[in-house]
Amino acid sequence: MTYKTHLALSLTATLPVMSLTGTLSGGGIAALALGTLLPDIDEPGSWIGRRTRGISDMMNRTFGHRGMTHSLVAVGVVVLLMVSLVLLLNVPAAVAAAFIGGYSLHLMGDSFSKSGIAWLQPFKNKKFQSGFGVVYYTTGSMVEKLLLVGLVAVLVYIVSRMELSLSLADIYRLPGEIWYSFGQAVGRLLD
């Protein structure tokens, strides 16, 4: 999936949950988006990979694309990291949950690709395709583009029902704004 489809899928799946649970916030949406994009740090040509070239190149050489960052082990590491941030730095639990949700939804989305993902790495390299070889897409294909259009339509409907002021242009700008905010936060930590 391209980053746009990953973001549309994650937002469509979680905005209603965040709204119903009273956890909808800018920080939650930012965490969701960053969690959604992070698994592709192992691909230098991905949206996040192009912004983290040294790290992305190293991850790709070490694990390959859809390697360790696309496994249950990675989800476990993310969960431990987020729980640590909640307990040690008082990060809101809802923000941590949004990050974990975004990461997990990315993997679920990729598991429906034609090639699937190796959920059990590093223990097994066997890839699993969640659509049982019947329901699948290829990244950048017409099927994925139609999926994106459908997800955006549903997302626009959800947002309109929630009476939020989130436009399609805002959705497309979100990754850049999140990355900018993340860079500023890291800069403040290093000062």
N, C-alpha and C. Protein backbone atom coordinates (compact mmCIF):
# COMPACT_ATOMS: atom_id res chain seq x y z
N MET A 1 0.84 -1.19 0.00
CA MET A 1 0.00 0.00 0.00
C MET A 1 0.87 1.24 0.00
N THR A 2 0.40 2.25 -0.65
CA THR A 2 1.09 3.53 -0.58
C THR A 2 0.73 4.20 0.75
N TYR A 3 1.50 5.20 1.12
CA TYR A 3 1.25 5.86 2.40
C TYR A 3 -0.14 6.48 2.46
N LYS A 4 -0.64 6.97 1.34
CA LYS A 4 -1.97 7.59 1.33
C LYS A 4 -3.04 6.56 1.67
N THR A 5 -2.93 5.38 1.10
CA THR A 5 -3.92 4.34 1.38
C THR A 5 -3.80 3.86 2.82
N HIS A 6 -2.57 3.71 3.31
CA HIS A 6 -2.38 3.33 4.71
C HIS A 6 -3.02 4.36 5.64
N LEU A 7 -2.79 5.64 5.38
CA LEU A 7 -3.37 6.69 6.23
C LEU A 7 -4.90 6.69 6.15
N ALA A 8 -5.42 6.56 4.94
CA ALA A 8 -6.88 6.55 4.79
C ALA A 8 -7.50 5.37 5.53
N LEU A 9 -6.87 4.20 5.43
CA LEU A 9 -7.36 3.01 6.13
C LEU A 9 -7.34 3.23 7.64
N SER A 10 -6.23 3.71 8.17
CA SER A 10 -6.11 3.91 9.62
C SER A 10 -7.08 4.96 10.14
N LEU A 11 -7.19 6.07 9.43
CA LEU A 11 -8.12 7.12 9.85
C LEU A 11 -9.57 6.64 9.78
N THR A 12 -9.91 5.94 8.72
CA THR A 12 -11.28 5.44 8.56
C THR A 12 -11.63 4.45 9.66
N ALA A 13 -10.68 3.60 10.02
CA ALA A 13 -10.94 2.58 11.04
C ALA A 13 -10.97 3.15 12.45
N THR A 14 -10.20 4.20 12.72
CA THR A 14 -10.05 4.64 14.11
C THR A 14 -10.75 5.94 14.49
N LEU A 15 -11.01 6.82 13.55
CA LEU A 15 -11.69 8.07 13.93
C LEU A 15 -13.01 7.82 14.65
N PRO A 16 -13.85 6.90 14.15
CA PRO A 16 -15.10 6.67 14.88
C PRO A 16 -14.86 6.12 16.30
N VAL A 17 -13.87 5.25 16.45
CA VAL A 17 -13.56 4.70 17.77
C VAL A 17 -13.07 5.81 18.70
N MET A 18 -12.17 6.65 18.18
CA MET A 18 -11.66 7.76 19.00
C MET A 18 -12.79 8.70 19.40
N SER A 19 -13.68 8.97 18.47
CA SER A 19 -14.79 9.86 18.76
C SER A 19 -15.72 9.26 19.81
N LEU A 20 -16.08 7.99 19.65
CA LEU A 20 -17.00 7.33 20.58
C LEU A 20 -16.41 7.18 21.98
N THR A 21 -15.09 7.03 22.07
CA THR A 21 -14.46 6.84 23.37
C THR A 21 -13.99 8.16 24.00
N GLY A 22 -14.20 9.27 23.31
CA GLY A 22 -13.79 10.57 23.84
C GLY A 22 -12.28 10.78 23.83
N THR A 23 -11.57 10.05 22.99
CA THR A 23 -10.11 10.16 22.94
C THR A 23 -9.62 10.85 21.67
N LEU A 24 -10.52 11.42 20.91
CA LEU A 24 -10.13 12.09 19.66
C LEU A 24 -9.39 13.38 19.98
N SER A 25 -8.14 13.45 19.51
CA SER A 25 -7.32 14.64 19.75
C SER A 25 -6.31 14.77 18.62
N GLY A 26 -5.73 15.94 18.51
CA GLY A 26 -4.69 16.14 17.52
C GLY A 26 -3.50 15.24 17.77
N GLY A 27 -3.13 15.09 19.04
CA GLY A 27 -2.02 14.20 19.40
C GLY A 27 -2.32 12.76 19.05
N GLY A 28 -3.56 12.34 19.25
CA GLY A 28 -3.96 10.98 18.91
C GLY A 28 -3.91 10.74 17.41
N ILE A 29 -4.38 11.72 16.64
CA ILE A 29 -4.35 11.58 15.18
C ILE A 29 -2.90 11.58 14.69
N ALA A 30 -2.06 12.44 15.27
CA ALA A 30 -0.65 12.48 14.88
C ALA A 30 0.04 11.15 15.21
N ALA A 31 -0.24 10.60 16.40
CA ALA A 31 0.36 9.32 16.79
C ALA A 31 -0.13 8.21 15.89
N LEU A 32 -1.41 8.22 15.56
CA LEU A 32 -1.97 7.23 14.65
C LEU A 32 -1.26 7.29 13.30
N ALA A 33 -1.10 8.48 12.77
CA ALA A 33 -0.46 8.63 11.46
C ALA A 33 1.00 8.21 11.50
N LEU A 34 1.72 8.60 12.55
CA LEU A 34 3.13 8.22 12.64
C LEU A 34 3.27 6.70 12.80
N GLY A 35 2.41 6.11 13.63
CA GLY A 35 2.41 4.66 13.77
C GLY A 35 2.07 3.95 12.47
N THR A 36 1.18 4.55 11.69
CA THR A 36 0.79 3.98 10.41
C THR A 36 1.94 4.00 9.41
N LEU A 37 2.72 5.05 9.44
CA LEU A 37 3.81 5.21 8.47
C LEU A 37 5.09 4.48 8.87
N LEU A 38 5.31 4.29 10.16
CA LEU A 38 6.59 3.77 10.65
C LEU A 38 7.01 2.41 10.11
N PRO A 39 6.12 1.42 9.93
CA PRO A 39 6.61 0.12 9.45
C PRO A 39 7.39 0.19 8.14
N ASP A 40 7.08 1.16 7.30
CA ASP A 40 7.78 1.26 6.01
C ASP A 40 9.12 1.98 6.10
N ILE A 41 9.63 2.17 7.32
CA ILE A 41 10.97 2.74 7.47
C ILE A 41 12.02 1.79 6.90
N ASP A 42 11.61 0.55 6.63
CA ASP A 42 12.54 -0.43 6.03
C ASP A 42 12.57 -0.35 4.51
N GLU A 43 11.91 0.64 3.93
CA GLU A 43 11.87 0.82 2.48
C GLU A 43 12.32 2.24 2.15
N PRO A 44 13.57 2.42 1.61
CA PRO A 44 14.09 3.76 1.32
C PRO A 44 13.22 4.59 0.38
N GLY A 45 12.42 3.95 -0.46
CA GLY A 45 11.57 4.70 -1.38
C GLY A 45 10.22 5.08 -0.82
N SER A 46 9.91 4.64 0.41
CA SER A 46 8.61 4.96 1.01
C SER A 46 8.60 6.41 1.48
N TRP A 47 7.41 6.89 1.86
CA TRP A 47 7.28 8.27 2.33
C TRP A 47 8.22 8.51 3.52
N ILE A 48 8.18 7.65 4.52
CA ILE A 48 9.02 7.83 5.71
C ILE A 48 10.47 7.46 5.41
N GLY A 49 10.68 6.50 4.53
CA GLY A 49 12.03 6.09 4.17
C GLY A 49 12.83 7.20 3.51
N ARG A 50 12.16 8.00 2.67
CA ARG A 50 12.83 9.12 2.00
C ARG A 50 13.23 10.21 3.00
N ARG A 51 12.59 10.23 4.15
CA ARG A 51 12.88 11.25 5.16
C ARG A 51 13.84 10.76 6.24
N THR A 52 14.19 9.49 6.18
CA THR A 52 15.11 8.89 7.16
C THR A 52 16.12 8.03 6.42
N ARG A 53 16.72 8.56 5.37
CA ARG A 53 17.54 7.76 4.46
C ARG A 53 18.60 6.91 5.13
N GLY A 54 19.38 7.42 6.05
CA GLY A 54 20.40 6.59 6.68
C GLY A 54 19.81 5.41 7.42
N ILE A 55 18.81 5.68 8.22
CA ILE A 55 18.14 4.62 8.99
C ILE A 55 17.42 3.67 8.04
N SER A 56 16.72 4.22 7.07
CA SER A 56 15.95 3.40 6.13
C SER A 56 16.86 2.48 5.32
N ASP A 57 17.97 3.00 4.86
CA ASP A 57 18.91 2.18 4.09
C ASP A 57 19.46 1.03 4.94
N MET A 58 19.81 1.34 6.20
CA MET A 58 20.33 0.31 7.09
C MET A 58 19.26 -0.76 7.38
N MET A 59 18.03 -0.32 7.65
CA MET A 59 16.94 -1.27 7.93
C MET A 59 16.69 -2.16 6.71
N ASN A 60 16.74 -1.58 5.53
CA ASN A 60 16.49 -2.35 4.31
C ASN A 60 17.59 -3.38 4.08
N ARG A 61 18.86 -2.97 4.27
CA ARG A 61 19.97 -3.91 4.09
C ARG A 61 19.90 -5.04 5.12
N THR A 62 19.52 -4.71 6.35
CA THR A 62 19.51 -5.69 7.43
C THR A 62 18.32 -6.64 7.35
N PHE A 63 17.13 -6.08 7.12
CA PHE A 63 15.91 -6.89 7.20
C PHE A 63 15.15 -7.04 5.89
N GLY A 64 15.39 -6.13 4.93
CA GLY A 64 14.60 -6.13 3.70
C GLY A 64 13.24 -5.48 3.94
N HIS A 65 12.57 -5.15 2.84
CA HIS A 65 11.24 -4.55 2.98
C HIS A 65 10.24 -5.62 3.39
N ARG A 66 9.34 -5.23 4.26
CA ARG A 66 8.35 -6.13 4.86
C ARG A 66 9.04 -7.28 5.59
N GLY A 67 10.12 -6.92 6.26
CA GLY A 67 10.85 -7.88 7.08
C GLY A 67 10.42 -7.73 8.53
N MET A 68 11.39 -7.50 9.40
CA MET A 68 11.12 -7.44 10.84
C MET A 68 10.13 -6.34 11.23
N THR A 69 10.14 -5.23 10.51
CA THR A 69 9.22 -4.15 10.88
C THR A 69 7.77 -4.52 10.57
N HIS A 70 7.57 -5.60 9.84
CA HIS A 70 6.24 -6.06 9.47
C HIS A 70 5.95 -7.41 10.14
N SER A 71 6.30 -7.53 11.42
CA SER A 71 6.11 -8.81 12.12
C SER A 71 5.45 -8.59 13.47
N LEU A 72 5.01 -9.68 14.07
CA LEU A 72 4.43 -9.61 15.41
C LEU A 72 5.47 -9.21 16.44
N VAL A 73 6.73 -9.55 16.21
CA VAL A 73 7.81 -9.13 17.10
C VAL A 73 7.87 -7.60 17.13
N ALA A 74 7.78 -6.96 15.96
CA ALA A 74 7.80 -5.50 15.89
C ALA A 74 6.61 -4.91 16.64
N VAL A 75 5.45 -5.52 16.49
CA VAL A 75 4.27 -5.03 17.22
C VAL A 75 4.53 -5.13 18.72
N GLY A 76 5.13 -6.22 19.17
CA GLY A 76 5.46 -6.37 20.58
C GLY A 76 6.42 -5.30 21.06
N VAL A 77 7.44 -4.99 20.25
CA VAL A 77 8.39 -3.94 20.60
C VAL A 77 7.69 -2.59 20.69
N VAL A 78 6.81 -2.31 19.73
CA VAL A 78 6.06 -1.06 19.73
C VAL A 78 5.18 -0.97 20.98
N VAL A 79 4.50 -2.05 21.33
CA VAL A 79 3.66 -2.05 22.53
C VAL A 79 4.51 -1.77 23.77
N LEU A 80 5.64 -2.46 23.90
CA LEU A 80 6.52 -2.22 25.06
C LEU A 80 7.02 -0.78 25.11
N LEU A 81 7.39 -0.25 23.96
CA LEU A 81 7.85 1.13 23.90
C LEU A 81 6.75 2.10 24.32
N MET A 82 5.55 1.89 23.80
CA MET A 82 4.45 2.79 24.13
C MET A 82 4.04 2.68 25.60
N VAL A 83 4.02 1.48 26.15
CA VAL A 83 3.72 1.31 27.58
C VAL A 83 4.78 2.01 28.41
N SER A 84 6.03 1.90 28.01
CA SER A 84 7.12 2.59 28.71
C SER A 84 6.93 4.10 28.67
N LEU A 85 6.55 4.63 27.53
CA LEU A 85 6.32 6.07 27.41
C LEU A 85 5.16 6.53 28.28
N VAL A 86 4.13 5.71 28.36
CA VAL A 86 2.98 6.04 29.22
C VAL A 86 3.42 6.06 30.68
N LEU A 87 4.15 5.03 31.10
CA LEU A 87 4.53 4.91 32.51
C LEU A 87 5.65 5.86 32.93
N LEU A 88 6.62 6.07 32.05
CA LEU A 88 7.79 6.86 32.44
C LEU A 88 7.69 8.34 32.09
N LEU A 89 7.01 8.65 30.98
CA LEU A 89 6.95 10.05 30.54
C LEU A 89 5.54 10.62 30.55
N ASN A 90 4.61 9.86 31.12
CA ASN A 90 3.21 10.30 31.21
C ASN A 90 2.57 10.64 29.87
N VAL A 91 3.00 9.95 28.81
CA VAL A 91 2.33 10.10 27.51
C VAL A 91 0.91 9.58 27.70
N PRO A 92 -0.10 10.31 27.23
CA PRO A 92 -1.48 9.83 27.39
C PRO A 92 -1.67 8.44 26.79
N ALA A 93 -2.34 7.58 27.53
CA ALA A 93 -2.56 6.20 27.08
C ALA A 93 -3.29 6.17 25.74
N ALA A 94 -4.21 7.11 25.53
CA ALA A 94 -4.96 7.14 24.27
C ALA A 94 -4.03 7.44 23.08
N VAL A 95 -3.03 8.27 23.30
CA VAL A 95 -2.06 8.59 22.24
C VAL A 95 -1.21 7.36 21.94
N ALA A 96 -0.76 6.68 22.99
CA ALA A 96 0.02 5.46 22.80
C ALA A 96 -0.81 4.39 22.09
N ALA A 97 -2.06 4.26 22.47
CA ALA A 97 -2.95 3.28 21.83
C ALA A 97 -3.15 3.62 20.36
N ALA A 98 -3.25 4.90 20.05
CA ALA A 98 -3.41 5.31 18.65
C ALA A 98 -2.18 4.94 17.83
N PHE A 99 -0.99 5.12 18.40
CA PHE A 99 0.25 4.76 17.71
C PHE A 99 0.27 3.25 17.45
N ILE A 100 -0.04 2.47 18.48
CA ILE A 100 -0.06 1.00 18.33
C ILE A 100 -1.12 0.60 17.30
N GLY A 101 -2.27 1.25 17.33
CA GLY A 101 -3.33 0.96 16.36
C GLY A 101 -2.89 1.25 14.94
N GLY A 102 -2.22 2.38 14.74
CA GLY A 102 -1.74 2.73 13.40
C GLY A 102 -0.73 1.73 12.89
N TYR A 103 0.20 1.34 13.77
CA TYR A 103 1.22 0.36 13.38
C TYR A 103 0.56 -0.96 12.99
N SER A 104 -0.35 -1.42 13.83
CA SER A 104 -1.03 -2.70 13.58
C SER A 104 -1.88 -2.66 12.33
N LEU A 105 -2.58 -1.56 12.10
CA LEU A 105 -3.40 -1.44 10.89
C LEU A 105 -2.55 -1.43 9.63
N HIS A 106 -1.36 -0.86 9.71
CA HIS A 106 -0.44 -0.91 8.56
C HIS A 106 -0.15 -2.37 8.20
N LEU A 107 0.19 -3.16 9.22
CA LEU A 107 0.53 -4.56 8.97
C LEU A 107 -0.68 -5.33 8.44
N MET A 108 -1.85 -5.06 8.99
CA MET A 108 -3.06 -5.74 8.49
C MET A 108 -3.31 -5.38 7.03
N GLY A 109 -3.15 -4.09 6.70
CA GLY A 109 -3.33 -3.67 5.32
C GLY A 109 -2.35 -4.36 4.38
N ASP A 110 -1.07 -4.41 4.78
CA ASP A 110 -0.06 -5.06 3.95
C ASP A 110 -0.28 -6.57 3.84
N SER A 111 -0.90 -7.15 4.85
CA SER A 111 -1.13 -8.60 4.79
C SER A 111 -2.13 -8.97 3.71
N PHE A 112 -2.91 -8.00 3.24
CA PHE A 112 -3.85 -8.25 2.14
C PHE A 112 -3.22 -7.98 0.77
N SER A 113 -1.95 -7.58 0.75
CA SER A 113 -1.28 -7.41 -0.54
C SER A 113 -1.07 -8.78 -1.16
N LYS A 114 -0.78 -8.80 -2.43
CA LYS A 114 -0.59 -10.08 -3.14
C LYS A 114 0.51 -10.92 -2.49
N SER A 115 1.59 -10.26 -2.04
CA SER A 115 2.71 -11.01 -1.47
C SER A 115 2.56 -11.28 0.02
N GLY A 116 1.65 -10.57 0.71
CA GLY A 116 1.46 -10.78 2.14
C GLY A 116 2.65 -10.32 2.96
N ILE A 117 2.68 -10.73 4.23
CA ILE A 117 3.80 -10.39 5.10
C ILE A 117 4.19 -11.62 5.94
N ALA A 118 5.41 -11.58 6.44
CA ALA A 118 5.93 -12.68 7.28
C ALA A 118 5.69 -12.32 8.75
N TRP A 119 4.48 -12.56 9.22
CA TRP A 119 4.09 -12.21 10.57
C TRP A 119 5.04 -12.78 11.62
N LEU A 120 5.61 -13.96 11.37
CA LEU A 120 6.36 -14.68 12.40
C LEU A 120 7.87 -14.48 12.34
N GLN A 121 8.34 -13.49 11.57
CA GLN A 121 9.78 -13.23 11.55
C GLN A 121 10.23 -12.83 12.94
N PRO A 122 11.36 -13.15 13.41
CA PRO A 122 12.47 -13.82 12.76
C PRO A 122 12.41 -15.35 12.86
N PHE A 123 11.34 -15.87 13.41
CA PHE A 123 11.24 -17.31 13.62
C PHE A 123 10.92 -18.08 12.34
N LYS A 124 10.08 -17.49 11.49
CA LYS A 124 9.73 -18.10 10.21
C LYS A 124 9.66 -17.01 9.17
N ASN A 125 10.16 -17.31 7.98
CA ASN A 125 10.12 -16.34 6.88
C ASN A 125 8.90 -16.52 5.99
N LYS A 126 8.04 -17.49 6.29
CA LYS A 126 6.87 -17.76 5.47
C LYS A 126 5.92 -16.57 5.51
N LYS A 127 5.53 -16.12 4.32
CA LYS A 127 4.61 -14.98 4.22
C LYS A 127 3.18 -15.49 4.21
N PHE A 128 2.32 -14.72 4.87
CA PHE A 128 0.90 -15.04 4.93
C PHE A 128 0.13 -13.95 4.20
N GLN A 129 -0.81 -14.35 3.38
CA GLN A 129 -1.66 -13.42 2.64
C GLN A 129 -3.06 -13.57 3.22
N SER A 130 -3.55 -12.51 3.87
CA SER A 130 -4.80 -12.59 4.63
C SER A 130 -6.04 -12.81 3.78
N GLY A 131 -5.98 -12.52 2.51
CA GLY A 131 -7.14 -12.72 1.64
C GLY A 131 -7.20 -14.10 1.02
N PHE A 132 -6.34 -15.01 1.51
CA PHE A 132 -6.29 -16.40 1.04
C PHE A 132 -6.08 -16.49 -0.47
N GLY A 133 -5.37 -15.53 -1.03
CA GLY A 133 -5.07 -15.54 -2.45
C GLY A 133 -6.26 -15.18 -3.33
N VAL A 134 -7.39 -14.82 -2.70
CA VAL A 134 -8.59 -14.46 -3.45
C VAL A 134 -8.82 -12.96 -3.39
N VAL A 135 -8.69 -12.40 -2.19
CA VAL A 135 -8.86 -10.97 -1.99
C VAL A 135 -7.47 -10.38 -1.77
N TYR A 136 -7.01 -9.56 -2.71
CA TYR A 136 -5.69 -8.96 -2.59
C TYR A 136 -5.57 -7.76 -3.51
N TYR A 137 -4.50 -7.03 -3.32
CA TYR A 137 -4.17 -5.89 -4.17
C TYR A 137 -2.67 -5.93 -4.42
N THR A 138 -2.21 -5.19 -5.39
CA THR A 138 -0.80 -4.97 -5.64
C THR A 138 -0.56 -3.48 -5.44
N THR A 139 0.51 -3.12 -4.73
CA THR A 139 0.79 -1.71 -4.45
C THR A 139 0.84 -0.90 -5.73
N GLY A 140 0.10 0.20 -5.75
CA GLY A 140 0.05 1.08 -6.90
C GLY A 140 -0.89 0.64 -8.00
N SER A 141 -1.55 -0.49 -7.84
CA SER A 141 -2.44 -1.02 -8.88
C SER A 141 -3.78 -0.27 -8.88
N MET A 142 -4.57 -0.56 -9.89
CA MET A 142 -5.90 0.03 -9.98
C MET A 142 -6.76 -0.38 -8.79
N VAL A 143 -6.60 -1.62 -8.33
CA VAL A 143 -7.36 -2.08 -7.17
C VAL A 143 -7.03 -1.23 -5.95
N GLU A 144 -5.74 -0.95 -5.74
CA GLU A 144 -5.39 -0.10 -4.59
C GLU A 144 -5.93 1.31 -4.77
N LYS A 145 -5.86 1.84 -5.98
CA LYS A 145 -6.38 3.20 -6.22
C LYS A 145 -7.87 3.26 -5.95
N LEU A 146 -8.60 2.24 -6.35
CA LEU A 146 -10.04 2.18 -6.08
C LEU A 146 -10.29 2.06 -4.57
N LEU A 147 -9.46 1.27 -3.90
CA LEU A 147 -9.57 1.15 -2.45
C LEU A 147 -9.35 2.51 -1.79
N LEU A 148 -8.35 3.25 -2.24
CA LEU A 148 -8.08 4.57 -1.69
C LEU A 148 -9.28 5.49 -1.89
N VAL A 149 -9.83 5.51 -3.09
CA VAL A 149 -10.99 6.37 -3.37
C VAL A 149 -12.16 5.99 -2.45
N GLY A 150 -12.39 4.68 -2.30
CA GLY A 150 -13.46 4.23 -1.42
C GLY A 150 -13.22 4.61 0.03
N LEU A 151 -12.00 4.43 0.51
CA LEU A 151 -11.67 4.79 1.89
C LEU A 151 -11.81 6.28 2.13
N VAL A 152 -11.35 7.10 1.18
CA VAL A 152 -11.47 8.55 1.32
C VAL A 152 -12.94 8.95 1.34
N ALA A 153 -13.75 8.32 0.50
CA ALA A 153 -15.19 8.62 0.49
C ALA A 153 -15.82 8.30 1.84
N VAL A 154 -15.48 7.15 2.38
CA VAL A 154 -16.01 6.76 3.69
C VAL A 154 -15.48 7.71 4.76
N LEU A 155 -14.21 8.07 4.68
CA LEU A 155 -13.62 8.98 5.65
C LEU A 155 -14.29 10.35 5.61
N VAL A 156 -14.53 10.85 4.42
CA VAL A 156 -15.22 12.14 4.28
C VAL A 156 -16.62 12.05 4.91
N TYR A 157 -17.31 10.95 4.67
CA TYR A 157 -18.63 10.75 5.27
C TYR A 157 -18.53 10.72 6.80
N ILE A 158 -17.56 9.97 7.32
CA ILE A 158 -17.38 9.87 8.78
C ILE A 158 -17.10 11.25 9.37
N VAL A 159 -16.19 11.97 8.75
CA VAL A 159 -15.84 13.29 9.26
C VAL A 159 -17.04 14.23 9.18
N SER A 160 -17.80 14.15 8.12
CA SER A 160 -18.97 15.02 8.01
C SER A 160 -20.01 14.71 9.09
N ARG A 161 -20.12 13.45 9.46
CA ARG A 161 -21.06 13.05 10.52
C ARG A 161 -20.54 13.46 11.90
N MET A 162 -19.23 13.57 12.02
CA MET A 162 -18.63 13.94 13.29
C MET A 162 -18.55 15.45 13.45
N GLU A 163 -18.91 16.17 12.42
CA GLU A 163 -18.89 17.63 12.42
C GLU A 163 -17.49 18.17 12.72
N LEU A 164 -16.51 17.53 12.09
CA LEU A 164 -15.13 18.00 12.19
C LEU A 164 -14.79 18.77 10.94
N SER A 165 -13.79 19.61 11.04
CA SER A 165 -13.38 20.37 9.87
C SER A 165 -12.09 19.78 9.31
N LEU A 166 -12.16 18.56 8.79
CA LEU A 166 -11.02 17.88 8.19
C LEU A 166 -11.33 17.67 6.71
N SER A 167 -10.55 18.31 5.87
CA SER A 167 -10.79 18.20 4.43
C SER A 167 -9.84 17.18 3.82
N LEU A 168 -10.09 16.82 2.58
CA LEU A 168 -9.21 15.91 1.85
C LEU A 168 -7.80 16.49 1.77
N ALA A 169 -7.70 17.79 1.57
CA ALA A 169 -6.38 18.44 1.52
C ALA A 169 -5.66 18.29 2.85
N ASP A 170 -6.41 18.38 3.97
CA ASP A 170 -5.80 18.20 5.29
C ASP A 170 -5.25 16.79 5.45
N ILE A 171 -5.97 15.80 4.93
CA ILE A 171 -5.53 14.41 5.04
C ILE A 171 -4.22 14.22 4.28
N TYR A 172 -4.12 14.79 3.09
CA TYR A 172 -2.90 14.64 2.31
C TYR A 172 -1.73 15.41 2.92
N ARG A 173 -1.99 16.52 3.62
CA ARG A 173 -0.94 17.31 4.26
C ARG A 173 -0.48 16.71 5.58
N LEU A 174 -1.28 15.85 6.17
CA LEU A 174 -1.02 15.33 7.50
C LEU A 174 0.36 14.70 7.67
N PRO A 175 0.85 13.84 6.76
CA PRO A 175 2.17 13.23 6.99
C PRO A 175 3.29 14.26 7.12
N GLY A 176 3.29 15.27 6.27
CA GLY A 176 4.33 16.30 6.34
C GLY A 176 4.26 17.08 7.63
N GLU A 177 3.06 17.42 8.07
CA GLU A 177 2.90 18.16 9.32
C GLU A 177 3.32 17.32 10.51
N ILE A 178 3.02 16.05 10.48
CA ILE A 178 3.42 15.16 11.58
C ILE A 178 4.93 15.06 11.63
N TRP A 179 5.54 14.87 10.46
CA TRP A 179 6.99 14.75 10.42
C TRP A 179 7.66 16.01 10.92
N TYR A 180 7.13 17.18 10.55
CA TYR A 180 7.67 18.46 11.01
C TYR A 180 7.54 18.57 12.53
N SER A 181 6.37 18.22 13.08
CA SER A 181 6.15 18.27 14.52
C SER A 181 7.07 17.31 15.26
N PHE A 182 7.26 16.12 14.69
CA PHE A 182 8.14 15.12 15.29
C PHE A 182 9.57 15.67 15.35
N GLY A 183 10.03 16.28 14.26
CA GLY A 183 11.37 16.86 14.22
C GLY A 183 11.54 17.95 15.26
N GLN A 184 10.51 18.78 15.43
CA GLN A 184 10.58 19.84 16.43
C GLN A 184 10.64 19.26 17.84
N ALA A 185 9.84 18.20 18.09
CA ALA A 185 9.84 17.58 19.42
C ALA A 185 11.21 16.97 19.72
N VAL A 186 11.80 16.30 18.74
CA VAL A 186 13.14 15.72 18.94
C VAL A 186 14.15 16.82 19.20
N GLY A 187 14.03 17.91 18.46
CA GLY A 187 14.92 19.05 18.66
C GLY A 187 14.83 19.61 20.08
N ARG A 188 13.60 19.70 20.62
CA ARG A 188 13.42 20.19 21.99
C ARG A 188 14.03 19.22 23.00
N LEU A 189 13.92 17.91 22.73
CA LEU A 189 14.50 16.93 23.64
C LEU A 189 16.03 17.01 23.66
N LEU A 190 16.61 17.33 22.51
CA LEU A 190 18.07 17.38 22.42
C LEU A 190 18.66 18.69 22.94
N ASP A 191 17.83 19.71 23.09
CA ASP A 191 18.33 21.00 23.61
C ASP A 191 18.63 20.95 25.08
